[in-house]
Amino acid sequence: MPHITAVRTVAIPVADQDRALEFYQRKLGFETLSDTPLPQLGGRWLVVGLPEGTTSVALLLSTAVGVDTGIRLATKDAAAAHAALTGQGVETSELISWPGVPPMFTFTDQDGNRLYLTQE
C-alpha cells in the first residue's frame, strides 16, 4: 500500500496516566508531545516521545495493562542503559549479549508492560 509512509504512534495501555507520564519522563527521558482531555475515553490523549525521535507513544487509559508491548527501543550502550534503569529501580531482565546479536534486555514500566531495549 503506497499510501503508508511511516509508523507515527504506538499505544501502551496504562492504569494511571499521571503515573505513566512520570515514569516515561523521569525514567526514560521522554517529553510530552500532546496532553489533551478526551472525556470520550475517560482520560486524555497523552502522547510522549523522544526529543530527536519520529515515533511517539500514546499512553492510553485501560484496565488491560501488563502486556508485552513488542516495542523495541534503541540505545547506543545497552550495558550503561541497563545499569541506569536498574539503578532507578526499574525492573529489568538480564542483559543478553549473544554472538552476532546486539546486546539487549527487557524492562517493565509502572504497569508491568514489557518493553525491549536493544543496542544500535
N, C-alpha and C. Protein backbone atom coordinates (compact mmCIF):
# COMPACT_ATOMS: atom_id res chain seq x y z
N MET A 1 0.85 -1.17 0.00
CA MET A 1 0.00 0.00 0.00
C MET A 1 0.89 1.24 0.00
N PRO A 2 1.00 1.94 -1.08
CA PRO A 2 1.93 3.07 -1.19
C PRO A 2 1.53 4.30 -0.38
N HIS A 3 0.34 4.32 0.20
CA HIS A 3 -0.11 5.50 0.93
C HIS A 3 0.47 5.57 2.35
N ILE A 4 0.97 4.46 2.87
CA ILE A 4 1.54 4.45 4.22
C ILE A 4 3.00 4.85 4.12
N THR A 5 3.39 5.86 4.90
CA THR A 5 4.76 6.38 4.80
C THR A 5 5.58 6.23 6.07
N ALA A 6 4.94 5.93 7.21
CA ALA A 6 5.70 5.83 8.46
C ALA A 6 4.84 5.21 9.55
N VAL A 7 5.50 4.75 10.60
CA VAL A 7 4.82 4.39 11.83
C VAL A 7 4.97 5.60 12.74
N ARG A 8 3.88 6.27 13.04
CA ARG A 8 3.94 7.54 13.77
C ARG A 8 3.80 7.34 15.28
N THR A 9 2.76 6.61 15.71
CA THR A 9 2.47 6.46 17.14
C THR A 9 2.10 5.02 17.45
N VAL A 10 2.64 4.50 18.54
CA VAL A 10 2.24 3.21 19.07
C VAL A 10 1.60 3.47 20.43
N ALA A 11 0.72 2.58 20.88
CA ALA A 11 0.00 2.80 22.13
C ALA A 11 0.39 1.77 23.18
N ILE A 12 0.43 2.24 24.42
CA ILE A 12 0.69 1.38 25.57
C ILE A 12 -0.47 1.58 26.55
N PRO A 13 -1.10 0.49 27.01
CA PRO A 13 -2.18 0.64 27.98
C PRO A 13 -1.63 0.96 29.36
N VAL A 14 -2.23 1.94 30.03
CA VAL A 14 -1.79 2.33 31.37
C VAL A 14 -3.00 2.48 32.28
N ALA A 15 -2.81 2.18 33.56
CA ALA A 15 -3.89 2.27 34.53
C ALA A 15 -4.06 3.69 35.06
N ASP A 16 -2.97 4.46 35.09
CA ASP A 16 -2.98 5.82 35.63
C ASP A 16 -2.08 6.67 34.73
N GLN A 17 -2.68 7.60 34.00
CA GLN A 17 -1.90 8.37 33.03
C GLN A 17 -0.87 9.28 33.70
N ASP A 18 -1.18 9.83 34.85
CA ASP A 18 -0.20 10.70 35.53
C ASP A 18 1.02 9.89 35.98
N ARG A 19 0.77 8.71 36.55
CA ARG A 19 1.86 7.85 36.99
C ARG A 19 2.69 7.39 35.79
N ALA A 20 2.02 7.05 34.70
CA ALA A 20 2.73 6.64 33.49
C ALA A 20 3.58 7.77 32.93
N LEU A 21 3.01 8.97 32.89
CA LEU A 21 3.75 10.13 32.38
C LEU A 21 5.01 10.36 33.20
N GLU A 22 4.90 10.25 34.51
CA GLU A 22 6.06 10.43 35.37
C GLU A 22 7.14 9.38 35.06
N PHE A 23 6.75 8.12 34.88
CA PHE A 23 7.70 7.06 34.56
C PHE A 23 8.40 7.34 33.23
N TYR A 24 7.63 7.61 32.19
CA TYR A 24 8.22 7.78 30.86
C TYR A 24 9.07 9.04 30.77
N GLN A 25 8.73 10.07 31.54
CA GLN A 25 9.56 11.28 31.54
C GLN A 25 10.81 11.10 32.41
N ARG A 26 10.61 10.71 33.65
CA ARG A 26 11.73 10.67 34.60
C ARG A 26 12.68 9.50 34.40
N LYS A 27 12.14 8.34 34.08
CA LYS A 27 12.99 7.15 33.96
C LYS A 27 13.55 6.97 32.55
N LEU A 28 12.76 7.36 31.53
CA LEU A 28 13.18 7.09 30.15
C LEU A 28 13.57 8.34 29.36
N GLY A 29 13.27 9.53 29.86
CA GLY A 29 13.67 10.75 29.18
C GLY A 29 12.74 11.20 28.06
N PHE A 30 11.50 10.70 28.05
CA PHE A 30 10.53 11.12 27.03
C PHE A 30 9.99 12.50 27.38
N GLU A 31 9.51 13.20 26.37
CA GLU A 31 8.88 14.52 26.54
C GLU A 31 7.40 14.41 26.18
N THR A 32 6.58 15.26 26.79
CA THR A 32 5.16 15.30 26.45
C THR A 32 4.98 15.99 25.11
N LEU A 33 4.33 15.31 24.17
CA LEU A 33 4.06 15.88 22.85
C LEU A 33 2.62 16.35 22.73
N SER A 34 1.72 15.68 23.45
CA SER A 34 0.31 16.05 23.43
C SER A 34 -0.33 15.61 24.74
N ASP A 35 -1.14 16.48 25.31
CA ASP A 35 -1.86 16.16 26.54
C ASP A 35 -3.21 16.88 26.45
N THR A 36 -4.18 16.20 25.85
CA THR A 36 -5.48 16.80 25.54
C THR A 36 -6.59 16.02 26.22
N PRO A 37 -7.48 16.70 26.95
CA PRO A 37 -8.61 15.99 27.57
C PRO A 37 -9.41 15.23 26.51
N LEU A 38 -9.77 14.00 26.85
CA LEU A 38 -10.54 13.17 25.94
C LEU A 38 -11.61 12.43 26.76
N PRO A 39 -12.65 13.16 27.16
CA PRO A 39 -13.67 12.55 28.03
C PRO A 39 -14.37 11.35 27.39
N GLN A 40 -14.36 11.25 26.08
CA GLN A 40 -14.98 10.12 25.40
C GLN A 40 -14.33 8.80 25.81
N LEU A 41 -13.05 8.85 26.18
CA LEU A 41 -12.32 7.66 26.60
C LEU A 41 -12.08 7.63 28.10
N GLY A 42 -12.62 8.60 28.82
CA GLY A 42 -12.46 8.63 30.26
C GLY A 42 -11.09 9.09 30.72
N GLY A 43 -10.34 9.68 29.85
CA GLY A 43 -9.00 10.16 30.20
C GLY A 43 -8.59 11.28 29.28
N ARG A 44 -7.40 11.15 28.74
CA ARG A 44 -6.91 12.17 27.82
C ARG A 44 -6.04 11.54 26.76
N TRP A 45 -5.82 12.27 25.67
CA TRP A 45 -4.92 11.85 24.61
C TRP A 45 -3.55 12.31 25.04
N LEU A 46 -2.77 11.37 25.58
CA LEU A 46 -1.47 11.67 26.17
C LEU A 46 -0.40 10.97 25.34
N VAL A 47 0.44 11.78 24.69
CA VAL A 47 1.45 11.24 23.79
C VAL A 47 2.81 11.76 24.23
N VAL A 48 3.78 10.83 24.31
CA VAL A 48 5.15 11.18 24.67
C VAL A 48 6.08 10.73 23.55
N GLY A 49 7.26 11.33 23.53
CA GLY A 49 8.25 10.94 22.52
C GLY A 49 9.63 11.39 22.94
N LEU A 50 10.61 10.91 22.20
CA LEU A 50 11.99 11.30 22.46
C LEU A 50 12.31 12.59 21.73
N PRO A 51 13.19 13.42 22.29
CA PRO A 51 13.49 14.73 21.69
C PRO A 51 13.84 14.67 20.21
N GLU A 52 14.60 13.68 19.77
CA GLU A 52 15.01 13.59 18.38
C GLU A 52 14.26 12.51 17.62
N GLY A 53 13.25 11.92 18.23
CA GLY A 53 12.56 10.79 17.62
C GLY A 53 11.48 11.19 16.64
N THR A 54 11.06 10.22 15.83
CA THR A 54 9.98 10.45 14.87
C THR A 54 8.75 9.61 15.20
N THR A 55 8.90 8.63 16.09
CA THR A 55 7.79 7.79 16.52
C THR A 55 7.43 8.18 17.95
N SER A 56 6.15 8.22 18.24
CA SER A 56 5.70 8.60 19.57
C SER A 56 4.94 7.45 20.22
N VAL A 57 4.68 7.61 21.53
CA VAL A 57 3.97 6.60 22.31
C VAL A 57 2.77 7.26 22.95
N ALA A 58 1.58 6.70 22.68
CA ALA A 58 0.36 7.17 23.33
C ALA A 58 0.17 6.34 24.60
N LEU A 59 -0.02 7.03 25.72
CA LEU A 59 -0.26 6.36 26.99
C LEU A 59 -1.77 6.35 27.20
N LEU A 60 -2.42 5.23 26.83
CA LEU A 60 -3.87 5.15 26.80
C LEU A 60 -4.43 4.50 28.05
N LEU A 61 -5.38 5.17 28.67
CA LEU A 61 -6.03 4.67 29.87
C LEU A 61 -6.73 3.35 29.55
N SER A 62 -6.46 2.32 30.36
CA SER A 62 -7.01 0.99 30.11
C SER A 62 -6.98 0.17 31.38
N THR A 63 -7.85 -0.82 31.45
CA THR A 63 -7.79 -1.77 32.55
C THR A 63 -6.97 -3.00 32.16
N ALA A 64 -6.65 -3.14 30.90
CA ALA A 64 -5.87 -4.28 30.40
C ALA A 64 -4.40 -3.89 30.30
N VAL A 65 -3.72 -3.86 31.44
CA VAL A 65 -2.31 -3.48 31.48
C VAL A 65 -1.45 -4.71 31.73
N GLY A 66 -0.15 -4.53 31.73
CA GLY A 66 0.76 -5.64 31.97
C GLY A 66 0.95 -6.52 30.75
N VAL A 67 1.06 -5.89 29.58
CA VAL A 67 1.17 -6.62 28.32
C VAL A 67 2.60 -6.57 27.79
N ASP A 68 2.90 -7.49 26.90
CA ASP A 68 4.16 -7.43 26.15
C ASP A 68 3.88 -6.50 24.98
N THR A 69 4.42 -5.29 25.03
CA THR A 69 4.12 -4.29 24.01
C THR A 69 4.73 -4.63 22.66
N GLY A 70 5.83 -5.39 22.67
CA GLY A 70 6.54 -5.66 21.44
C GLY A 70 7.36 -4.48 20.96
N ILE A 71 7.37 -3.40 21.72
CA ILE A 71 8.08 -2.19 21.32
C ILE A 71 9.57 -2.34 21.60
N ARG A 72 10.36 -2.12 20.56
CA ARG A 72 11.82 -2.16 20.67
C ARG A 72 12.35 -0.74 20.63
N LEU A 73 13.01 -0.34 21.70
CA LEU A 73 13.67 0.96 21.77
C LEU A 73 15.15 0.74 21.50
N ALA A 74 15.85 1.78 21.11
CA ALA A 74 17.27 1.67 20.77
C ALA A 74 18.12 2.49 21.73
N THR A 75 19.35 2.05 21.92
CA THR A 75 20.31 2.76 22.75
C THR A 75 21.70 2.59 22.14
N LYS A 76 22.58 3.53 22.43
CA LYS A 76 23.96 3.42 21.96
C LYS A 76 24.77 2.47 22.83
N ASP A 77 24.36 2.29 24.11
CA ASP A 77 25.12 1.46 25.05
C ASP A 77 24.13 0.69 25.94
N ALA A 78 23.86 -0.55 25.59
CA ALA A 78 22.88 -1.36 26.33
C ALA A 78 23.32 -1.60 27.77
N ALA A 79 24.60 -1.83 28.00
CA ALA A 79 25.09 -2.09 29.36
C ALA A 79 24.88 -0.87 30.25
N ALA A 80 25.20 0.32 29.74
CA ALA A 80 25.02 1.54 30.52
C ALA A 80 23.54 1.81 30.77
N ALA A 81 22.70 1.59 29.77
CA ALA A 81 21.26 1.79 29.93
C ALA A 81 20.69 0.80 30.95
N HIS A 82 21.16 -0.43 30.89
CA HIS A 82 20.72 -1.46 31.84
C HIS A 82 21.07 -1.04 33.27
N ALA A 83 22.31 -0.61 33.47
CA ALA A 83 22.76 -0.18 34.79
C ALA A 83 21.96 1.03 35.28
N ALA A 84 21.70 2.00 34.37
CA ALA A 84 20.96 3.20 34.76
C ALA A 84 19.53 2.87 35.15
N LEU A 85 18.85 2.07 34.35
CA LEU A 85 17.45 1.74 34.67
C LEU A 85 17.35 0.90 35.94
N THR A 86 18.24 -0.06 36.09
CA THR A 86 18.26 -0.88 37.30
C THR A 86 18.52 0.00 38.52
N GLY A 87 19.44 0.95 38.37
CA GLY A 87 19.76 1.88 39.46
C GLY A 87 18.60 2.77 39.84
N GLN A 88 17.66 2.98 38.92
CA GLN A 88 16.47 3.80 39.21
C GLN A 88 15.32 2.95 39.73
N GLY A 89 15.56 1.67 39.94
CA GLY A 89 14.53 0.79 40.47
C GLY A 89 13.59 0.21 39.43
N VAL A 90 13.96 0.33 38.15
CA VAL A 90 13.13 -0.23 37.08
C VAL A 90 13.42 -1.73 37.01
N GLU A 91 12.36 -2.53 36.90
CA GLU A 91 12.52 -3.98 36.80
C GLU A 91 13.04 -4.32 35.41
N THR A 92 14.22 -4.96 35.36
CA THR A 92 14.85 -5.32 34.09
C THR A 92 15.16 -6.81 34.07
N SER A 93 15.32 -7.35 32.86
CA SER A 93 15.82 -8.71 32.70
C SER A 93 17.33 -8.65 32.72
N GLU A 94 17.95 -9.81 32.55
CA GLU A 94 19.40 -9.84 32.38
C GLU A 94 19.77 -9.16 31.07
N LEU A 95 20.96 -8.60 31.02
CA LEU A 95 21.49 -8.06 29.76
C LEU A 95 21.95 -9.26 28.94
N ILE A 96 21.38 -9.41 27.77
CA ILE A 96 21.71 -10.53 26.89
C ILE A 96 22.74 -10.05 25.88
N SER A 97 23.81 -10.82 25.73
CA SER A 97 24.85 -10.48 24.76
C SER A 97 25.31 -11.77 24.09
N TRP A 98 24.64 -12.11 22.99
CA TRP A 98 24.96 -13.32 22.24
C TRP A 98 25.80 -12.96 21.02
N PRO A 99 26.69 -13.86 20.60
CA PRO A 99 27.49 -13.58 19.40
C PRO A 99 26.60 -13.31 18.19
N GLY A 100 26.91 -12.23 17.49
CA GLY A 100 26.17 -11.89 16.28
C GLY A 100 24.86 -11.18 16.49
N VAL A 101 24.47 -10.97 17.75
CA VAL A 101 23.20 -10.29 18.07
C VAL A 101 23.52 -9.08 18.94
N PRO A 102 22.91 -7.94 18.68
CA PRO A 102 23.19 -6.77 19.51
C PRO A 102 22.78 -7.01 20.97
N PRO A 103 23.54 -6.48 21.92
CA PRO A 103 23.16 -6.60 23.33
C PRO A 103 21.77 -6.01 23.55
N MET A 104 20.98 -6.65 24.42
CA MET A 104 19.62 -6.19 24.65
C MET A 104 19.11 -6.70 25.99
N PHE A 105 18.00 -6.09 26.43
CA PHE A 105 17.32 -6.55 27.64
C PHE A 105 15.88 -6.05 27.59
N THR A 106 15.06 -6.60 28.47
CA THR A 106 13.70 -6.12 28.59
C THR A 106 13.55 -5.38 29.91
N PHE A 107 12.55 -4.53 29.97
CA PHE A 107 12.20 -3.87 31.23
C PHE A 107 10.70 -3.66 31.25
N THR A 108 10.19 -3.39 32.44
CA THR A 108 8.75 -3.14 32.56
C THR A 108 8.50 -1.74 33.09
N ASP A 109 7.40 -1.16 32.64
CA ASP A 109 7.03 0.17 33.11
C ASP A 109 6.24 0.05 34.42
N GLN A 110 5.64 1.14 34.85
CA GLN A 110 4.92 1.19 36.13
C GLN A 110 3.72 0.26 36.18
N ASP A 111 3.20 -0.18 35.04
CA ASP A 111 2.04 -1.08 35.00
C ASP A 111 2.41 -2.50 34.61
N GLY A 112 3.71 -2.79 34.53
CA GLY A 112 4.13 -4.13 34.17
C GLY A 112 4.14 -4.40 32.68
N ASN A 113 4.00 -3.36 31.86
CA ASN A 113 4.09 -3.52 30.41
C ASN A 113 5.55 -3.75 30.04
N ARG A 114 5.82 -4.78 29.22
CA ARG A 114 7.18 -5.11 28.83
C ARG A 114 7.60 -4.35 27.58
N LEU A 115 8.79 -3.75 27.64
CA LEU A 115 9.43 -3.10 26.50
C LEU A 115 10.82 -3.69 26.34
N TYR A 116 11.43 -3.48 25.19
CA TYR A 116 12.74 -4.03 24.87
C TYR A 116 13.71 -2.88 24.58
N LEU A 117 14.96 -3.05 24.99
CA LEU A 117 15.98 -2.05 24.69
C LEU A 117 17.15 -2.77 24.05
N THR A 118 17.46 -2.37 22.82
CA THR A 118 18.50 -3.02 22.02
C THR A 118 19.56 -2.01 21.64
N GLN A 119 20.82 -2.43 21.71
CA GLN A 119 21.92 -1.55 21.31
C GLN A 119 21.92 -1.37 19.80
N GLU A 120 22.11 -0.13 19.36
CA GLU A 120 22.14 0.19 17.93
C GLU A 120 23.31 -0.47 17.24
